[in-house]
Amino acid sequence: MEVIKDYLIVFAVIGGGLSILIGGYYYLWEVPRTRKRASGLTKEAGLMGFSFEKELAKNPRDFFGPHQLFKTTRASKTMVNTIKGELPTGVPFHIFDYGYSMHPDTDVEQTVGVFELAGADLLPFVLYAKAKDRISGKAFRRIGLKVSDMMTGFRKIDLPSLPSRYDLRSPEHADHVKRLFDDSLLNFFSNNPGWHIEGGGRHLLIYRFDILMKPQDLRTFVSECRDIAEQFTLRK
């Protein structure tokens, strides 16, 4: 019994030590990092005339509908660090940080732009940017993303002119999606690699997989998203 008691004491000490380490990491690193990011985004958004709200306490699905990125089969977080504004062309947008877990120990966090194209009625599609390194953790997370989408009916669409660094998928209406992604649009993405694009209804989702935009890069991010949104505005 004494031996068992000793083991229990050791485990209790180890458990307590781990709790202290985890708590210390959260308060000494994570909290300051989160505050610094929110402060930086608040400043940059204000300089550009946009509004900022740290937490909306909402799942983006409640705002934008059941797009693939926000589907319920993923354990999702709420929208945080939300920037609201309008492009010079009159297109309203939300830019926010969004994370989710596809399964335990596989967390993804990225900055997402959702742009509302007036009068658009896009059939659902997802354009995936392939990982440069096929054996990295991020590459495996991308594979998990595709498998997850395949399970909900999204199928690969073969286009001879599709850049090798991209995959295009849709659950239906492949012919319509093929017409949308004409040679001009495919050439645009060939010259602008790394983007994940999702369309559905009047919404266009734009983001770089598992990448959080730096606050000081907000102006560049908005400009790049504007160029992408304009490509689809021309084809809606």
Protein backbone atom coordinates (compact mmCIF):
# COMPACT_ATOMS: atom_id res chain seq x y z
CA MET A 1 0.00 0.00 0.00
CA GLU A 2 2.86 2.35 0.78
CA VAL A 3 4.29 1.79 -2.70
CA ILE A 4 0.93 2.58 -4.29
CA LYS A 5 0.66 5.71 -2.17
CA ASP A 6 4.13 6.80 -3.29
CA TYR A 7 3.17 6.32 -6.95
CA LEU A 8 0.00 8.32 -6.45
CA ILE A 9 1.99 11.14 -4.89
CA VAL A 10 4.43 11.12 -7.82
CA PHE A 11 1.60 11.21 -10.37
CA ALA A 12 -0.09 14.02 -8.47
CA VAL A 13 3.13 16.05 -8.45
CA ILE A 14 3.66 15.44 -12.19
CA GLY A 15 0.05 16.34 -12.95
CA GLY A 16 0.29 19.50 -10.90
CA GLY A 17 3.53 20.45 -12.62
CA LEU A 18 1.97 20.00 -16.06
CA SER A 19 -1.00 22.11 -15.05
CA ILE A 20 1.33 24.89 -13.93
CA LEU A 21 3.30 24.69 -17.19
CA ILE A 22 0.16 24.80 -19.32
CA GLY A 23 -1.29 27.64 -17.28
CA GLY A 24 2.00 29.51 -17.44
CA TYR A 25 2.17 29.14 -21.22
CA TYR A 26 -1.37 30.43 -21.60
CA TYR A 27 -0.95 33.52 -19.43
CA LEU A 28 2.65 34.35 -20.29
CA TRP A 29 2.47 33.71 -24.04
CA GLU A 30 -1.00 33.09 -25.44
CA VAL A 31 -2.87 35.91 -23.69
CA PRO A 32 -0.29 38.64 -24.57
CA ARG A 33 -0.08 37.31 -28.15
CA THR A 34 -3.86 37.42 -28.54
CA ARG A 35 -4.06 40.94 -27.10
CA LYS A 36 -1.23 42.18 -29.30
CA ARG A 37 -2.90 40.77 -32.42
CA ALA A 38 -6.27 42.34 -31.57
CA SER A 39 -4.60 45.68 -30.87
CA GLY A 40 -2.70 45.59 -34.17
CA LEU A 41 -5.80 44.69 -36.18
CA THR A 42 -7.83 47.40 -34.44
CA LYS A 43 -5.24 49.99 -35.42
CA GLU A 44 -4.89 48.86 -39.04
CA ALA A 45 -8.65 48.55 -39.54
CA GLY A 46 -9.16 52.06 -38.18
CA LEU A 47 -6.53 53.49 -40.52
CA MET A 48 -8.43 52.01 -43.47
CA GLY A 49 -11.84 53.16 -42.25
CA PHE A 50 -13.09 49.68 -41.34
CA SER A 51 -14.81 48.57 -38.14
CA PHE A 52 -13.33 45.96 -35.79
CA GLU A 53 -14.91 43.64 -33.26
CA LYS A 54 -12.77 41.23 -31.27
CA GLU A 55 -15.40 38.55 -30.71
CA LEU A 56 -18.83 38.15 -32.25
CA ALA A 57 -19.44 34.96 -30.23
CA LYS A 58 -20.94 33.41 -33.33
CA ASN A 59 -20.15 30.57 -35.67
CA PRO A 60 -19.69 32.08 -39.14
CA ARG A 61 -22.24 29.54 -40.34
CA ASP A 62 -24.86 31.66 -38.55
CA PHE A 63 -23.81 34.68 -40.62
CA PHE A 64 -23.04 33.22 -44.02
CA GLY A 65 -24.79 29.86 -44.24
CA PRO A 66 -23.53 26.27 -44.51
CA HIS A 67 -20.44 26.71 -46.66
CA GLN A 68 -17.94 23.86 -46.70
CA LEU A 69 -15.45 25.72 -44.52
CA PHE A 70 -18.06 26.21 -41.81
CA LYS A 71 -19.79 22.84 -42.01
CA THR A 72 -20.87 21.17 -38.80
CA THR A 73 -18.72 18.05 -39.27
CA ARG A 74 -15.77 20.09 -38.02
CA ALA A 75 -15.46 21.23 -34.43
CA SER A 76 -15.38 24.96 -35.03
CA LYS A 77 -14.50 28.01 -33.01
CA THR A 78 -16.30 31.33 -33.15
CA MET A 79 -15.39 34.25 -35.37
CA VAL A 80 -12.73 36.41 -33.74
CA ASN A 81 -10.95 39.61 -34.73
CA THR A 82 -13.68 40.50 -37.22
CA ILE A 83 -13.12 43.40 -39.59
CA LYS A 84 -16.10 44.75 -41.53
CA GLY A 85 -15.87 47.05 -44.50
CA GLU A 86 -16.63 47.63 -48.13
CA LEU A 87 -14.44 47.54 -51.23
CA PRO A 88 -14.25 50.66 -53.45
CA THR A 89 -16.45 48.71 -55.89
CA GLY A 90 -19.22 48.53 -53.27
CA VAL A 91 -18.68 44.89 -52.30
CA PRO A 92 -19.21 44.41 -48.53
CA PHE A 93 -16.93 42.03 -46.68
CA HIS A 94 -16.04 40.42 -43.37
CA ILE A 95 -12.45 39.44 -42.60
CA PHE A 96 -11.87 37.34 -39.49
CA ASP A 97 -9.74 34.68 -37.83
CA TYR A 98 -11.33 31.25 -37.88
CA GLY A 99 -10.10 27.93 -36.56
CA TYR A 100 -11.40 24.41 -36.41
CA SER A 101 -10.37 20.85 -35.59
CA MET A 102 -10.93 18.10 -38.16
CA HIS A 103 -10.01 15.50 -35.54
CA PRO A 104 -8.00 15.47 -32.28
CA ASP A 105 -4.54 17.07 -32.50
CA THR A 106 -5.27 18.53 -35.94
CA ASP A 107 -6.02 22.21 -35.49
CA VAL A 108 -6.22 24.69 -38.34
CA GLU A 109 -6.33 28.48 -37.92
CA GLN A 110 -6.49 31.01 -40.70
CA THR A 111 -7.70 34.47 -41.69
CA VAL A 112 -10.78 34.28 -43.90
CA GLY A 113 -12.33 36.93 -46.12
CA VAL A 114 -16.02 36.57 -46.98
CA PHE A 115 -17.15 38.85 -49.81
CA GLU A 116 -20.79 39.40 -50.76
CA LEU A 117 -21.28 39.67 -54.52
CA ALA A 118 -24.57 41.44 -55.20
CA GLY A 119 -26.72 39.57 -57.71
CA ALA A 120 -24.47 36.51 -57.72
CA ASP A 121 -25.79 32.97 -57.42
CA LEU A 122 -22.65 30.85 -57.46
CA LEU A 123 -23.04 27.09 -57.52
CA PRO A 124 -20.89 25.50 -54.79
CA PHE A 125 -17.22 24.91 -55.55
CA VAL A 126 -13.89 24.87 -53.74
CA LEU A 127 -10.55 25.70 -55.33
CA TYR A 128 -7.73 24.18 -53.25
CA ALA A 129 -4.11 25.27 -53.29
CA LYS A 130 -1.82 22.26 -53.09
CA ALA A 131 0.95 22.12 -50.48
CA LYS A 132 4.50 22.62 -51.73
CA ASP A 133 5.84 20.09 -49.24
CA ARG A 134 3.87 16.86 -49.42
CA ILE A 135 5.21 15.41 -46.16
CA SER A 136 4.76 18.39 -43.85
CA GLY A 137 2.13 18.61 -41.14
CA LYS A 138 0.31 21.26 -43.16
CA ALA A 139 0.28 18.98 -46.20
CA PHE A 140 -1.38 16.22 -44.18
CA ARG A 141 -3.95 18.71 -42.88
CA ARG A 142 -4.75 19.68 -46.46
CA ILE A 143 -5.25 16.02 -47.34
CA GLY A 144 -7.59 15.67 -44.38
CA LEU A 145 -9.54 18.69 -45.62
CA LYS A 146 -10.02 17.16 -49.07
CA VAL A 147 -11.03 13.77 -47.69
CA SER A 148 -13.54 15.47 -45.41
CA ASP A 149 -15.04 17.34 -48.35
CA MET A 150 -15.16 14.22 -50.52
CA MET A 151 -17.24 12.55 -47.82
CA THR A 152 -19.84 15.31 -48.24
CA GLY A 153 -20.10 14.86 -52.00
CA PHE A 154 -17.45 17.24 -53.35
CA ARG A 155 -15.78 15.60 -56.35
CA LYS A 156 -12.71 16.57 -58.32
CA ILE A 157 -13.34 18.42 -61.57
CA ASP A 158 -10.81 17.76 -64.31
CA LEU A 159 -9.80 20.77 -66.36
CA PRO A 160 -6.89 20.47 -68.82
CA SER A 161 -5.85 24.08 -68.18
CA LEU A 162 -6.11 23.91 -64.38
CA PRO A 163 -2.73 24.93 -62.88
CA SER A 164 -0.93 21.92 -61.40
CA ARG A 165 -0.72 23.69 -58.03
CA TYR A 166 -4.53 23.70 -57.66
CA ASP A 167 -7.44 21.24 -57.27
CA LEU A 168 -11.03 22.15 -58.14
CA ARG A 169 -14.01 20.35 -56.56
CA SER A 170 -17.78 20.67 -56.63
CA PRO A 171 -20.69 18.46 -55.52
CA GLU A 172 -22.64 18.93 -58.74
CA HIS A 173 -23.09 21.01 -61.87
CA ALA A 174 -19.56 20.30 -63.08
CA ASP A 175 -20.28 21.83 -66.49
CA HIS A 176 -21.31 25.14 -64.93
CA VAL A 177 -18.19 25.24 -62.75
CA LYS A 178 -16.04 24.44 -65.79
CA ARG A 179 -17.57 27.38 -67.65
CA LEU A 180 -16.94 29.63 -64.65
CA PHE A 181 -13.27 28.65 -64.55
CA ASP A 182 -12.43 29.68 -68.09
CA ASP A 183 -8.88 30.05 -69.37
CA SER A 184 -8.68 33.67 -68.25
CA LEU A 185 -9.62 32.83 -64.65
CA LEU A 186 -7.31 29.82 -64.59
CA ASN A 187 -4.46 31.99 -65.85
CA PHE A 188 -5.19 34.47 -63.05
CA PHE A 189 -4.77 31.78 -60.39
CA SER A 190 -1.71 30.40 -62.14
CA ASN A 191 -0.13 33.81 -61.56
CA ASN A 192 -1.54 34.07 -58.02
CA PRO A 193 -0.79 30.77 -56.24
CA GLY A 194 -1.60 29.71 -52.70
CA TRP A 195 -5.24 30.75 -52.38
CA HIS A 196 -8.20 28.68 -51.25
CA ILE A 197 -11.43 29.94 -52.82
CA GLU A 198 -14.94 28.78 -52.02
CA GLY A 199 -18.07 29.96 -53.77
CA GLY A 200 -21.73 29.45 -53.00
CA GLY A 201 -24.76 31.68 -53.52
CA ARG A 202 -23.71 35.32 -53.21
CA HIS A 203 -20.67 34.60 -51.04
CA LEU A 204 -17.05 34.20 -52.03
CA LEU A 205 -14.67 32.89 -49.34
CA ILE A 206 -10.99 33.74 -49.76
CA TYR A 207 -8.13 32.56 -47.55
CA ARG A 208 -4.70 30.95 -47.40
CA PHE A 209 -4.93 27.56 -45.73
CA ASP A 210 -3.75 27.53 -42.09
CA ILE A 211 -2.22 31.02 -42.32
CA LEU A 212 -3.13 33.97 -40.12
CA MET A 213 -2.70 37.34 -41.77
CA LYS A 214 -0.31 39.65 -39.93
CA PRO A 215 -2.01 42.87 -38.77
CA GLN A 216 0.42 45.02 -40.78
CA ASP A 217 -0.53 43.06 -43.91
CA LEU A 218 -4.23 43.97 -43.77
CA ARG A 219 -4.02 46.48 -46.62
CA THR A 220 -2.25 43.95 -48.85
CA PHE A 221 -4.72 41.19 -47.92
CA VAL A 222 -7.71 43.40 -48.78
CA SER A 223 -6.10 44.43 -52.07
CA GLU A 224 -5.39 40.82 -53.07
CA CYS A 225 -8.91 39.74 -52.11
CA ARG A 226 -10.34 42.64 -54.10
CA ASP A 227 -8.51 41.44 -57.22
CA ILE A 228 -9.85 37.91 -56.70
CA ALA A 229 -13.42 39.08 -56.02
CA GLU A 230 -13.37 41.21 -59.17
CA GLN A 231 -12.54 38.12 -61.24
CA PHE A 232 -15.75 36.47 -60.07
CA THR A 233 -17.81 39.67 -60.26
CA LEU A 234 -17.06 39.73 -63.98
CA ARG A 235 -18.44 36.19 -64.31
CA LYS A 236 -21.42 36.12 -61.94
